[in-house]
Amino acid sequence: MKSKDLFAYCLTKPGAIEDYPFGPDVVVIKVAAKIFALLARRNGQDNLSLKCDPSYSEILRQQYPSITPGYHLNKRHWNTLIIDGSIPEREIRELIDHSYELVYKSLPRRMKAGYQGDW
């Protein structure tokens, strides 16, 4: 899976927008001003950072060497995936969904209501 496909998939989420608060080299994808994904290139590799349940993070990091604690993020709640083909596309999409859902469910009710028409 290519990073442009990951980017496009992230933007299919209700209310998802792209932003560049860290400069042009890091694409930040948010819902209601809360980040759920970051795409960047580091050391010649595309990287995708996603929010993740802490207990699930540990399992993923043991299962895939290309999933590491979040780069420049809270290591307990974020994972960085090196997009090198070693993680199945279906798994990456599920992790994007998981990240989005964690952020979405933390939104205030009034904000959630604004995106429910997009489902």
N, C-alpha and C. Protein backbone atom coordinates (compact mmCIF):
# COMPACT_ATOMS: atom_id res chain seq x y z
N MET A 1 0.85 -1.18 0.00
CA MET A 1 0.00 0.00 0.00
C MET A 1 0.90 1.23 0.00
N LYS A 2 0.57 2.17 -0.85
CA LYS A 2 1.37 3.39 -0.96
C LYS A 2 0.84 4.46 -0.02
N SER A 3 1.72 5.39 0.34
CA SER A 3 1.33 6.44 1.28
C SER A 3 0.21 7.30 0.72
N LYS A 4 0.16 7.52 -0.59
CA LYS A 4 -0.94 8.32 -1.15
C LYS A 4 -2.28 7.61 -0.98
N ASP A 5 -2.27 6.26 -1.03
CA ASP A 5 -3.50 5.50 -0.79
C ASP A 5 -3.91 5.58 0.67
N LEU A 6 -2.93 5.54 1.57
CA LEU A 6 -3.22 5.68 3.00
C LEU A 6 -3.82 7.05 3.29
N PHE A 7 -3.22 8.07 2.70
CA PHE A 7 -3.70 9.44 2.84
C PHE A 7 -5.15 9.54 2.36
N ALA A 8 -5.42 9.00 1.18
CA ALA A 8 -6.78 9.05 0.62
C ALA A 8 -7.76 8.30 1.52
N TYR A 9 -7.34 7.15 2.05
CA TYR A 9 -8.22 6.39 2.93
C TYR A 9 -8.53 7.17 4.21
N CYS A 10 -7.53 7.80 4.78
CA CYS A 10 -7.75 8.61 5.99
C CYS A 10 -8.78 9.70 5.73
N LEU A 11 -8.72 10.30 4.57
CA LEU A 11 -9.64 11.39 4.25
C LEU A 11 -11.06 10.93 3.95
N THR A 12 -11.29 9.61 3.86
CA THR A 12 -12.66 9.12 3.67
C THR A 12 -13.45 9.13 4.98
N LYS A 13 -12.76 9.30 6.09
CA LYS A 13 -13.42 9.30 7.40
C LYS A 13 -14.25 10.57 7.56
N PRO A 14 -15.45 10.45 8.14
CA PRO A 14 -16.32 11.61 8.31
C PRO A 14 -15.62 12.75 9.06
N GLY A 15 -15.62 13.93 8.46
CA GLY A 15 -15.04 15.11 9.08
C GLY A 15 -13.54 15.22 8.98
N ALA A 16 -12.88 14.26 8.33
CA ALA A 16 -11.41 14.26 8.26
C ALA A 16 -10.93 15.40 7.35
N ILE A 17 -9.90 16.09 7.84
CA ILE A 17 -9.27 17.16 7.05
C ILE A 17 -7.76 17.02 7.16
N GLU A 18 -7.06 17.52 6.16
CA GLU A 18 -5.60 17.52 6.22
C GLU A 18 -5.11 18.87 6.71
N ASP A 19 -3.97 18.86 7.36
CA ASP A 19 -3.38 20.08 7.90
C ASP A 19 -1.87 19.91 7.88
N TYR A 20 -1.15 21.02 7.96
CA TYR A 20 0.31 21.00 7.93
C TYR A 20 0.89 21.88 9.04
N PRO A 21 0.55 21.62 10.30
CA PRO A 21 1.04 22.47 11.39
C PRO A 21 2.54 22.32 11.66
N PHE A 22 3.13 21.24 11.19
CA PHE A 22 4.56 20.99 11.43
C PHE A 22 5.40 21.25 10.18
N GLY A 23 4.81 21.90 9.18
CA GLY A 23 5.51 22.18 7.94
C GLY A 23 5.06 21.26 6.82
N PRO A 24 5.58 21.47 5.62
CA PRO A 24 5.10 20.74 4.45
C PRO A 24 5.50 19.26 4.40
N ASP A 25 6.39 18.82 5.27
CA ASP A 25 6.86 17.45 5.22
C ASP A 25 6.04 16.46 6.05
N VAL A 26 5.13 16.97 6.86
CA VAL A 26 4.30 16.10 7.70
C VAL A 26 2.84 16.43 7.45
N VAL A 27 2.12 15.45 6.91
CA VAL A 27 0.68 15.63 6.69
C VAL A 27 -0.03 15.15 7.95
N VAL A 28 -0.80 16.04 8.54
CA VAL A 28 -1.57 15.73 9.74
C VAL A 28 -3.03 15.61 9.34
N ILE A 29 -3.67 14.54 9.75
CA ILE A 29 -5.08 14.34 9.43
C ILE A 29 -5.85 14.36 10.74
N LYS A 30 -6.86 15.23 10.74
CA LYS A 30 -7.62 15.51 11.96
C LYS A 30 -9.11 15.31 11.74
N VAL A 31 -9.79 15.14 12.85
CA VAL A 31 -11.24 15.25 12.88
C VAL A 31 -11.52 16.22 14.03
N ALA A 32 -12.25 17.28 13.73
CA ALA A 32 -12.59 18.30 14.72
C ALA A 32 -11.36 18.79 15.48
N ALA A 33 -10.31 19.11 14.77
CA ALA A 33 -9.07 19.66 15.32
C ALA A 33 -8.28 18.68 16.18
N LYS A 34 -8.65 17.40 16.17
CA LYS A 34 -7.91 16.38 16.92
C LYS A 34 -7.23 15.45 15.93
N ILE A 35 -5.95 15.24 16.12
CA ILE A 35 -5.16 14.42 15.21
C ILE A 35 -5.48 12.93 15.40
N PHE A 36 -5.66 12.24 14.26
CA PHE A 36 -5.77 10.78 14.33
C PHE A 36 -4.74 10.09 13.43
N ALA A 37 -4.05 10.84 12.56
CA ALA A 37 -3.02 10.24 11.71
C ALA A 37 -1.99 11.30 11.30
N LEU A 38 -0.76 10.87 11.18
CA LEU A 38 0.32 11.71 10.67
C LEU A 38 1.09 10.89 9.64
N LEU A 39 1.31 11.48 8.48
CA LEU A 39 2.10 10.84 7.43
C LEU A 39 3.36 11.64 7.20
N ALA A 40 4.49 10.96 7.15
CA ALA A 40 5.77 11.64 6.94
C ALA A 40 6.74 10.67 6.28
N ARG A 41 7.82 11.22 5.82
CA ARG A 41 8.91 10.41 5.27
C ARG A 41 10.14 10.64 6.14
N ARG A 42 10.71 9.55 6.65
CA ARG A 42 11.87 9.64 7.52
C ARG A 42 12.86 8.53 7.14
N ASN A 43 14.11 8.90 7.01
CA ASN A 43 15.16 7.94 6.64
C ASN A 43 14.82 7.17 5.36
N GLY A 44 14.20 7.87 4.40
CA GLY A 44 13.87 7.26 3.12
C GLY A 44 12.67 6.34 3.15
N GLN A 45 11.95 6.30 4.26
CA GLN A 45 10.77 5.43 4.42
C GLN A 45 9.54 6.26 4.72
N ASP A 46 8.40 5.87 4.13
CA ASP A 46 7.14 6.49 4.49
C ASP A 46 6.71 5.95 5.85
N ASN A 47 6.20 6.84 6.69
CA ASN A 47 5.75 6.48 8.03
C ASN A 47 4.33 6.96 8.24
N LEU A 48 3.56 6.19 8.96
CA LEU A 48 2.20 6.55 9.34
C LEU A 48 2.09 6.39 10.84
N SER A 49 1.79 7.48 11.54
CA SER A 49 1.60 7.41 12.99
C SER A 49 0.11 7.45 13.29
N LEU A 50 -0.32 6.54 14.16
CA LEU A 50 -1.74 6.39 14.50
C LEU A 50 -1.92 6.23 15.99
N LYS A 51 -3.01 6.76 16.48
CA LYS A 51 -3.39 6.57 17.88
C LYS A 51 -3.81 5.11 18.05
N CYS A 52 -3.54 4.55 19.24
CA CYS A 52 -3.86 3.14 19.45
C CYS A 52 -4.08 2.88 20.94
N ASP A 53 -4.98 1.98 21.23
CA ASP A 53 -5.19 1.54 22.60
C ASP A 53 -3.87 0.97 23.13
N PRO A 54 -3.42 1.38 24.31
CA PRO A 54 -2.11 0.96 24.82
C PRO A 54 -1.88 -0.56 24.87
N SER A 55 -2.87 -1.33 25.28
CA SER A 55 -2.66 -2.78 25.36
C SER A 55 -2.56 -3.39 23.96
N TYR A 56 -3.31 -2.86 23.02
CA TYR A 56 -3.25 -3.32 21.64
C TYR A 56 -1.92 -2.92 21.00
N SER A 57 -1.40 -1.75 21.37
CA SER A 57 -0.11 -1.28 20.85
C SER A 57 0.98 -2.30 21.11
N GLU A 58 1.02 -2.82 22.31
CA GLU A 58 2.05 -3.79 22.68
C GLU A 58 1.98 -5.05 21.81
N ILE A 59 0.78 -5.52 21.58
CA ILE A 59 0.59 -6.72 20.75
C ILE A 59 1.08 -6.46 19.34
N LEU A 60 0.70 -5.31 18.79
CA LEU A 60 1.10 -4.97 17.42
C LEU A 60 2.62 -4.85 17.30
N ARG A 61 3.24 -4.23 18.29
CA ARG A 61 4.70 -4.04 18.24
C ARG A 61 5.44 -5.37 18.32
N GLN A 62 4.86 -6.35 19.01
CA GLN A 62 5.47 -7.68 19.07
C GLN A 62 5.25 -8.44 17.76
N GLN A 63 4.11 -8.21 17.14
CA GLN A 63 3.75 -8.93 15.92
C GLN A 63 4.49 -8.40 14.69
N TYR A 64 4.69 -7.09 14.61
CA TYR A 64 5.29 -6.48 13.42
C TYR A 64 6.51 -5.64 13.82
N PRO A 65 7.69 -6.00 13.37
CA PRO A 65 8.88 -5.19 13.66
C PRO A 65 8.79 -3.77 13.09
N SER A 66 7.96 -3.57 12.07
CA SER A 66 7.83 -2.25 11.46
C SER A 66 6.81 -1.36 12.17
N ILE A 67 6.28 -1.82 13.29
CA ILE A 67 5.43 -0.98 14.14
C ILE A 67 6.22 -0.68 15.41
N THR A 68 6.46 0.61 15.62
CA THR A 68 7.28 1.06 16.74
C THR A 68 6.50 2.09 17.57
N PRO A 69 6.97 2.39 18.77
CA PRO A 69 6.32 3.46 19.54
C PRO A 69 6.30 4.75 18.74
N GLY A 70 5.26 5.55 18.93
CA GLY A 70 5.06 6.78 18.17
C GLY A 70 6.28 7.68 18.12
N TYR A 71 6.68 8.05 16.92
CA TYR A 71 7.83 8.92 16.73
C TYR A 71 7.44 10.35 17.10
N HIS A 72 8.10 10.91 18.10
CA HIS A 72 7.81 12.25 18.63
C HIS A 72 6.37 12.38 19.14
N LEU A 73 5.81 11.28 19.61
CA LEU A 73 4.44 11.25 20.13
C LEU A 73 4.44 10.48 21.45
N ASN A 74 3.32 10.49 22.13
CA ASN A 74 3.18 9.72 23.36
C ASN A 74 3.35 8.24 23.01
N LYS A 75 4.41 7.64 23.51
CA LYS A 75 4.78 6.27 23.14
C LYS A 75 3.77 5.23 23.62
N ARG A 76 2.98 5.59 24.59
CA ARG A 76 1.98 4.66 25.11
C ARG A 76 0.73 4.62 24.24
N HIS A 77 0.35 5.76 23.68
CA HIS A 77 -0.91 5.86 22.95
C HIS A 77 -0.77 5.99 21.43
N TRP A 78 0.45 6.01 20.94
CA TRP A 78 0.67 6.18 19.49
C TRP A 78 1.68 5.16 18.99
N ASN A 79 1.43 4.67 17.78
CA ASN A 79 2.35 3.79 17.07
C ASN A 79 2.77 4.47 15.78
N THR A 80 3.99 4.20 15.35
CA THR A 80 4.44 4.62 14.03
C THR A 80 4.66 3.36 13.20
N LEU A 81 4.01 3.32 12.05
CA LEU A 81 4.13 2.20 11.13
C LEU A 81 5.09 2.59 10.02
N ILE A 82 6.10 1.78 9.79
CA ILE A 82 6.98 1.99 8.64
C ILE A 82 6.30 1.27 7.47
N ILE A 83 6.00 2.04 6.45
CA ILE A 83 5.27 1.48 5.31
C ILE A 83 6.28 0.85 4.36
N ASP A 84 6.59 -0.42 4.62
CA ASP A 84 7.59 -1.14 3.85
C ASP A 84 7.04 -2.41 3.22
N GLY A 85 5.72 -2.61 3.31
CA GLY A 85 5.09 -3.79 2.72
C GLY A 85 4.98 -4.97 3.67
N SER A 86 5.52 -4.84 4.88
CA SER A 86 5.49 -5.97 5.82
C SER A 86 4.18 -6.06 6.61
N ILE A 87 3.39 -5.01 6.60
CA ILE A 87 2.10 -5.01 7.30
C ILE A 87 1.02 -5.12 6.24
N PRO A 88 0.13 -6.11 6.35
CA PRO A 88 -0.92 -6.25 5.34
C PRO A 88 -1.80 -5.00 5.23
N GLU A 89 -2.22 -4.71 4.01
CA GLU A 89 -3.05 -3.52 3.76
C GLU A 89 -4.30 -3.53 4.62
N ARG A 90 -4.94 -4.67 4.75
CA ARG A 90 -6.16 -4.77 5.56
C ARG A 90 -5.90 -4.36 7.01
N GLU A 91 -4.75 -4.79 7.53
CA GLU A 91 -4.37 -4.46 8.91
C GLU A 91 -4.14 -2.95 9.05
N ILE A 92 -3.49 -2.34 8.08
CA ILE A 92 -3.25 -0.90 8.14
C ILE A 92 -4.57 -0.14 8.12
N ARG A 93 -5.48 -0.55 7.26
CA ARG A 93 -6.80 0.11 7.20
C ARG A 93 -7.54 -0.04 8.53
N GLU A 94 -7.45 -1.22 9.14
CA GLU A 94 -8.09 -1.43 10.44
C GLU A 94 -7.46 -0.55 11.51
N LEU A 95 -6.16 -0.35 11.44
CA LEU A 95 -5.49 0.52 12.41
C LEU A 95 -5.86 1.98 12.21
N ILE A 96 -6.06 2.38 10.97
CA ILE A 96 -6.55 3.73 10.68
C ILE A 96 -7.95 3.89 11.26
N ASP A 97 -8.80 2.89 11.03
CA ASP A 97 -10.16 2.92 11.58
C ASP A 97 -10.13 3.02 13.11
N HIS A 98 -9.27 2.22 13.72
CA HIS A 98 -9.15 2.19 15.18
C HIS A 98 -8.72 3.56 15.71
N SER A 99 -7.74 4.17 15.07
CA SER A 99 -7.26 5.48 15.47
C SER A 99 -8.37 6.52 15.36
N TYR A 100 -9.05 6.51 14.23
CA TYR A 100 -10.15 7.47 14.01
C TYR A 100 -11.23 7.29 15.09
N GLU A 101 -11.60 6.04 15.35
CA GLU A 101 -12.66 5.78 16.33
C GLU A 101 -12.27 6.24 17.74
N LEU A 102 -11.00 6.03 18.11
CA LEU A 102 -10.54 6.49 19.43
C LEU A 102 -10.67 8.01 19.55
N VAL A 103 -10.28 8.71 18.51
CA VAL A 103 -10.35 10.17 18.54
C VAL A 103 -11.80 10.63 18.47
N TYR A 104 -12.58 10.02 17.57
CA TYR A 104 -13.97 10.43 17.39
C TYR A 104 -14.76 10.25 18.69
N LYS A 105 -14.57 9.12 19.36
CA LYS A 105 -15.37 8.89 20.58
C LYS A 105 -14.98 9.82 21.72
N SER A 106 -13.81 10.46 21.62
CA SER A 106 -13.39 11.41 22.65
C SER A 106 -13.95 12.82 22.40
N LEU A 107 -14.58 13.03 21.26
CA LEU A 107 -15.12 14.35 20.93
C LEU A 107 -16.36 14.64 21.77
N PRO A 108 -16.60 15.91 22.07
CA PRO A 108 -17.85 16.27 22.74
C PRO A 108 -19.05 15.90 21.87
N ARG A 109 -20.15 15.60 22.49
CA ARG A 109 -21.36 15.16 21.79
C ARG A 109 -21.78 16.13 20.68
N ARG A 110 -21.70 17.43 20.95
CA ARG A 110 -22.14 18.40 19.95
C ARG A 110 -21.27 18.36 18.70
N MET A 111 -19.99 18.03 18.88
CA MET A 111 -19.10 17.92 17.72
C MET A 111 -19.39 16.64 16.94
N LYS A 112 -19.64 15.56 17.66
CA LYS A 112 -19.97 14.29 16.99
C LYS A 112 -21.21 14.44 16.13
N ALA A 113 -22.20 15.14 16.64
CA ALA A 113 -23.45 15.33 15.91
C ALA A 113 -23.23 15.97 14.55
N GLY A 114 -22.25 16.84 14.45
CA GLY A 114 -21.96 17.51 13.20
C GLY A 114 -21.43 16.58 12.13
N TYR A 115 -20.87 15.42 12.51
CA TYR A 115 -20.29 14.50 11.55
C TYR A 115 -21.15 13.27 11.30
N GLN A 116 -22.20 13.09 12.06
CA GLN A 116 -23.00 11.88 11.92
C GLN A 116 -23.71 11.79 10.58
N GLY A 117 -23.97 12.92 9.96
CA GLY A 117 -24.57 12.89 8.64
C GLY A 117 -23.62 12.39 7.58
N ASP A 118 -22.32 12.38 7.87
CA ASP A 118 -21.32 11.92 6.92
C ASP A 118 -21.14 10.41 6.91
N TRP A 119 -21.72 9.68 7.88
CA TRP A 119 -21.51 8.22 7.98
C TRP A 119 -22.14 7.51 6.83
